[in-house]
Amino acid sequence: MQVTGTFEIQMTPEPPYSTDDGVSLGRVHFDKQFSGGLEATSVGDMIGVRGPVAHSGGYVCIERVTGTLGGKRGSFVLQHNGVMDRGAASLACSVVPDTGTGELAGLRGKLAIEIADKRHLYTFDYELI
């Protein structure tokens, strides 16, 4: 199954906690509001790194999502792994196995994120097993 939609995000960055030789490690907490096939809110924390080369870095994140997916209510956890290699972006964002609760127990899936015209769009391919 697949759902699409948009999300709004509010980010609260913390000061970098390590800056050695032009490599900076930092943390960000965020809150999201999903609309569309996924009607939900989420909270997450990410750790990111930026290096001395422009448009290169990476982040990892754990995000708990609570709401309704395809008419089923519950929560689940997403794990993000994002890399930017001199402007070439890649993102893997998957449901952590066996984190679905309520009617979303058994949820598996992958979430793709696109930013277009300053709007955050998602496509969520999923299954309930």
C-alpha atoms as a PDB file:
ATOM      1  CA  MET A   1       0.000   0.000   0.000  1.00  0.00           C
ATOM      2  CA  GLN A   2       1.087   3.571  -0.527  1.00  0.00           C
ATOM      3  CA  VAL A   3       0.026   6.933   0.889  1.00  0.00           C
ATOM      4  CA  THR A   4       1.282  10.414   0.104  1.00  0.00           C
ATOM      5  CA  GLY A   5       0.981  13.821   1.691  1.00  0.00           C
ATOM      6  CA  THR A   6       2.808  16.715   3.274  1.00  0.00           C
ATOM      7  CA  PHE A   7       4.278  17.539   6.651  1.00  0.00           C
ATOM      8  CA  GLU A   8       5.223  20.600   8.634  1.00  0.00           C
ATOM      9  CA  ILE A   9       8.311  20.472  10.835  1.00  0.00           C
ATOM     10  CA  GLN A  10       9.528  22.598  13.732  1.00  0.00           C
ATOM     11  CA  MET A  11      13.196  22.088  14.582  1.00  0.00           C
ATOM     12  CA  THR A  12      14.998  23.011  17.795  1.00  0.00           C
ATOM     13  CA  PRO A  13      18.761  22.811  17.267  1.00  0.00           C
ATOM     14  CA  GLU A  14      21.219  22.485  20.117  1.00  0.00           C
ATOM     15  CA  PRO A  15      24.696  24.030  19.938  1.00  0.00           C
ATOM     16  CA  PRO A  16      27.320  21.801  18.279  1.00  0.00           C
ATOM     17  CA  TYR A  17      28.862  19.451  20.815  1.00  0.00           C
ATOM     18  CA  SER A  18      32.040  18.691  18.909  1.00  0.00           C
ATOM     19  CA  THR A  19      33.910  20.814  16.394  1.00  0.00           C
ATOM     20  CA  ASP A  20      37.297  19.369  15.494  1.00  0.00           C
ATOM     21  CA  ASP A  21      39.273  20.177  12.331  1.00  0.00           C
ATOM     22  CA  GLY A  22      36.236  21.705  10.606  1.00  0.00           C
ATOM     23  CA  VAL A  23      33.955  18.739  11.368  1.00  0.00           C
ATOM     24  CA  SER A  24      30.942  19.722  13.469  1.00  0.00           C
ATOM     25  CA  LEU A  25      28.629  17.295  15.307  1.00  0.00           C
ATOM     26  CA  GLY A  26      25.260  18.565  16.516  1.00  0.00           C
ATOM     27  CA  ARG A  27      21.804  17.547  17.724  1.00  0.00           C
ATOM     28  CA  VAL A  28      18.322  18.663  16.709  1.00  0.00           C
ATOM     29  CA  HIS A  29      14.948  17.871  18.279  1.00  0.00           C
ATOM     30  CA  PHE A  30      11.895  18.178  16.039  1.00  0.00           C
ATOM     31  CA  ASP A  31       8.110  17.995  16.024  1.00  0.00           C
ATOM     32  CA  LYS A  32       6.152  17.143  12.858  1.00  0.00           C
ATOM     33  CA  GLN A  33       2.537  17.302  11.756  1.00  0.00           C
ATOM     34  CA  PHE A  34       1.679  14.919   8.883  1.00  0.00           C
ATOM     35  CA  SER A  35      -1.310  15.445   6.561  1.00  0.00           C
ATOM     36  CA  GLY A  36      -2.659  13.227   3.796  1.00  0.00           C
ATOM     37  CA  GLY A  37      -2.724   9.433   3.915  1.00  0.00           C
ATOM     38  CA  LEU A  38      -0.812   9.631   7.193  1.00  0.00           C
ATOM     39  CA  GLU A  39      -2.628  11.884   9.676  1.00  0.00           C
ATOM     40  CA  ALA A  40      -0.208  12.020  12.576  1.00  0.00           C
ATOM     41  CA  THR A  41       2.178  13.898  14.795  1.00  0.00           C
ATOM     42  CA  SER A  42       5.732  12.879  15.556  1.00  0.00           C
ATOM     43  CA  VAL A  43       8.699  13.743  17.719  1.00  0.00           C
ATOM     44  CA  GLY A  44      12.265  12.927  16.866  1.00  0.00           C
ATOM     45  CA  ASP A  45      15.878  13.500  17.690  1.00  0.00           C
ATOM     46  CA  MET A  46      18.686  13.581  15.175  1.00  0.00           C
ATOM     47  CA  ILE A  47      22.440  13.688  15.353  1.00  0.00           C
ATOM     48  CA  GLY A  48      24.148  15.264  12.368  1.00  0.00           C
ATOM     49  CA  VAL A  49      27.587  16.054  11.074  1.00  0.00           C
ATOM     50  CA  ARG A  50      28.921  18.668   8.678  1.00  0.00           C
ATOM     51  CA  GLY A  51      32.406  18.637   7.318  1.00  0.00           C
ATOM     52  CA  PRO A  52      34.615  21.322   5.780  1.00  0.00           C
ATOM     53  CA  VAL A  53      33.457  20.527   2.218  1.00  0.00           C
ATOM     54  CA  ALA A  54      30.302  22.414   1.208  1.00  0.00           C
ATOM     55  CA  HIS A  55      27.118  20.352   0.811  1.00  0.00           C
ATOM     56  CA  SER A  56      28.539  17.253   2.508  1.00  0.00           C
ATOM     57  CA  GLY A  57      27.341  15.731   5.761  1.00  0.00           C
ATOM     58  CA  GLY A  58      25.040  13.185   7.269  1.00  0.00           C
ATOM     59  CA  TYR A  59      22.471  12.481   9.945  1.00  0.00           C
ATOM     60  CA  VAL A  60      20.796   9.675  11.829  1.00  0.00           C
ATOM     61  CA  CYS A  61      17.451  10.019  13.553  1.00  0.00           C
ATOM     62  CA  ILE A  62      14.825   8.144  15.538  1.00  0.00           C
ATOM     63  CA  GLU A  63      11.237   9.444  15.178  1.00  0.00           C
ATOM     64  CA  ARG A  64       8.069   8.226  16.960  1.00  0.00           C
ATOM     65  CA  VAL A  65       4.927   8.735  14.845  1.00  0.00           C
ATOM     66  CA  THR A  66       1.438   8.628  16.418  1.00  0.00           C
ATOM     67  CA  GLY A  67      -1.837   8.888  14.513  1.00  0.00           C
ATOM     68  CA  THR A  68      -3.790   7.266  11.713  1.00  0.00           C
ATOM     69  CA  LEU A  69      -2.382   5.492   8.651  1.00  0.00           C
ATOM     70  CA  GLY A  70      -4.859   4.313   6.029  1.00  0.00           C
ATOM     71  CA  GLY A  71      -7.661   4.585   8.590  1.00  0.00           C
ATOM     72  CA  LYS A  72      -5.818   2.508  11.224  1.00  0.00           C
ATOM     73  CA  ARG A  73      -4.772   4.098  14.519  1.00  0.00           C
ATOM     74  CA  GLY A  74      -1.550   3.506  16.427  1.00  0.00           C
ATOM     75  CA  SER A  75       2.088   4.483  16.543  1.00  0.00           C
ATOM     76  CA  PHE A  76       5.414   3.350  15.094  1.00  0.00           C
ATOM     77  CA  VAL A  77       9.056   4.383  14.997  1.00  0.00           C
ATOM     78  CA  LEU A  78      11.005   5.538  11.933  1.00  0.00           C
ATOM     79  CA  GLN A  79      14.780   5.304  11.628  1.00  0.00           C
ATOM     80  CA  HIS A  80      16.500   7.775   9.276  1.00  0.00           C
ATOM     81  CA  ASN A  81      19.957   7.557   7.710  1.00  0.00           C
ATOM     82  CA  GLY A  82      20.721  10.540   5.480  1.00  0.00           C
ATOM     83  CA  VAL A  83      23.884  11.390   3.570  1.00  0.00           C
ATOM     84  CA  MET A  84      24.780  14.426   1.461  1.00  0.00           C
ATOM     85  CA  ASP A  85      27.851  13.855  -0.717  1.00  0.00           C
ATOM     86  CA  ARG A  86      28.812  17.209  -2.255  1.00  0.00           C
ATOM     87  CA  GLY A  87      25.178  17.917  -3.032  1.00  0.00           C
ATOM     88  CA  ALA A  88      24.084  14.382  -3.967  1.00  0.00           C
ATOM     89  CA  ALA A  89      21.521  13.368  -1.347  1.00  0.00           C
ATOM     90  CA  SER A  90      20.433   9.906  -0.262  1.00  0.00           C
ATOM     91  CA  LEU A  91      17.991   9.000   2.487  1.00  0.00           C
ATOM     92  CA  ALA A  92      16.884   5.677   3.904  1.00  0.00           C
ATOM     93  CA  CYS A  93      13.912   6.039   6.242  1.00  0.00           C
ATOM     94  CA  SER A  94      12.295   2.806   7.417  1.00  0.00           C
ATOM     95  CA  VAL A  95       9.847   1.602  10.037  1.00  0.00           C
ATOM     96  CA  VAL A  96      11.804  -0.092  12.816  1.00  0.00           C
ATOM     97  CA  PRO A  97      10.536  -3.706  12.858  1.00  0.00           C
ATOM     98  CA  ASP A  98       7.950  -4.551  15.523  1.00  0.00           C
ATOM     99  CA  THR A  99       7.486  -0.967  16.760  1.00  0.00           C
ATOM    100  CA  GLY A 100       3.909  -0.682  15.469  1.00  0.00           C
ATOM    101  CA  THR A 101       1.247  -0.403  18.173  1.00  0.00           C
ATOM    102  CA  GLY A 102      -2.548  -0.580  18.223  1.00  0.00           C
ATOM    103  CA  GLU A 103      -4.021  -1.210  14.784  1.00  0.00           C
ATOM    104  CA  LEU A 104      -0.550  -0.609  13.292  1.00  0.00           C
ATOM    105  CA  ALA A 105       1.016  -3.655  14.952  1.00  0.00           C
ATOM    106  CA  GLY A 106       3.009  -5.542  12.318  1.00  0.00           C
ATOM    107  CA  LEU A 107       3.681  -2.404  10.252  1.00  0.00           C
ATOM    108  CA  ARG A 108       6.605  -2.531   7.818  1.00  0.00           C
ATOM    109  CA  GLY A 109       7.523   0.213   5.388  1.00  0.00           C
ATOM    110  CA  LYS A 110       9.744   2.882   3.911  1.00  0.00           C
ATOM    111  CA  LEU A 111       9.135   6.624   3.873  1.00  0.00           C
ATOM    112  CA  ALA A 112      10.553   8.828   1.115  1.00  0.00           C
ATOM    113  CA  ILE A 113      10.865  12.583   1.690  1.00  0.00           C
ATOM    114  CA  GLU A 114      11.049  15.277  -0.975  1.00  0.00           C
ATOM    115  CA  ILE A 115      11.428  19.005  -0.467  1.00  0.00           C
ATOM    116  CA  ALA A 116       9.971  21.002  -3.362  1.00  0.00           C
ATOM    117  CA  ASP A 117       9.251  24.737  -3.367  1.00  0.00           C
ATOM    118  CA  LYS A 118       9.930  24.800   0.403  1.00  0.00           C
ATOM    119  CA  ARG A 119       7.179  22.170   0.970  1.00  0.00           C
ATOM    120  CA  HIS A 120       7.914  18.844   2.652  1.00  0.00           C
ATOM    121  CA  LEU A 121       6.304  15.949   0.775  1.00  0.00           C
ATOM    122  CA  TYR A 122       6.293  12.267   1.684  1.00  0.00           C
ATOM    123  CA  THR A 123       5.512   8.963   0.006  1.00  0.00           C
ATOM    124  CA  PHE A 124       5.025   6.070   2.419  1.00  0.00           C
ATOM    125  CA  ASP A 125       5.100   2.510   1.035  1.00  0.00           C
ATOM    126  CA  TYR A 126       3.940   0.087   3.714  1.00  0.00           C
ATOM    127  CA  GLU A 127       2.340  -3.211   4.589  1.00  0.00           C
ATOM    128  CA  LEU A 128       0.724  -4.699   7.681  1.00  0.00           C
ATOM    129  CA  ILE A 129       1.774  -8.285   8.315  1.00  0.00           C
END
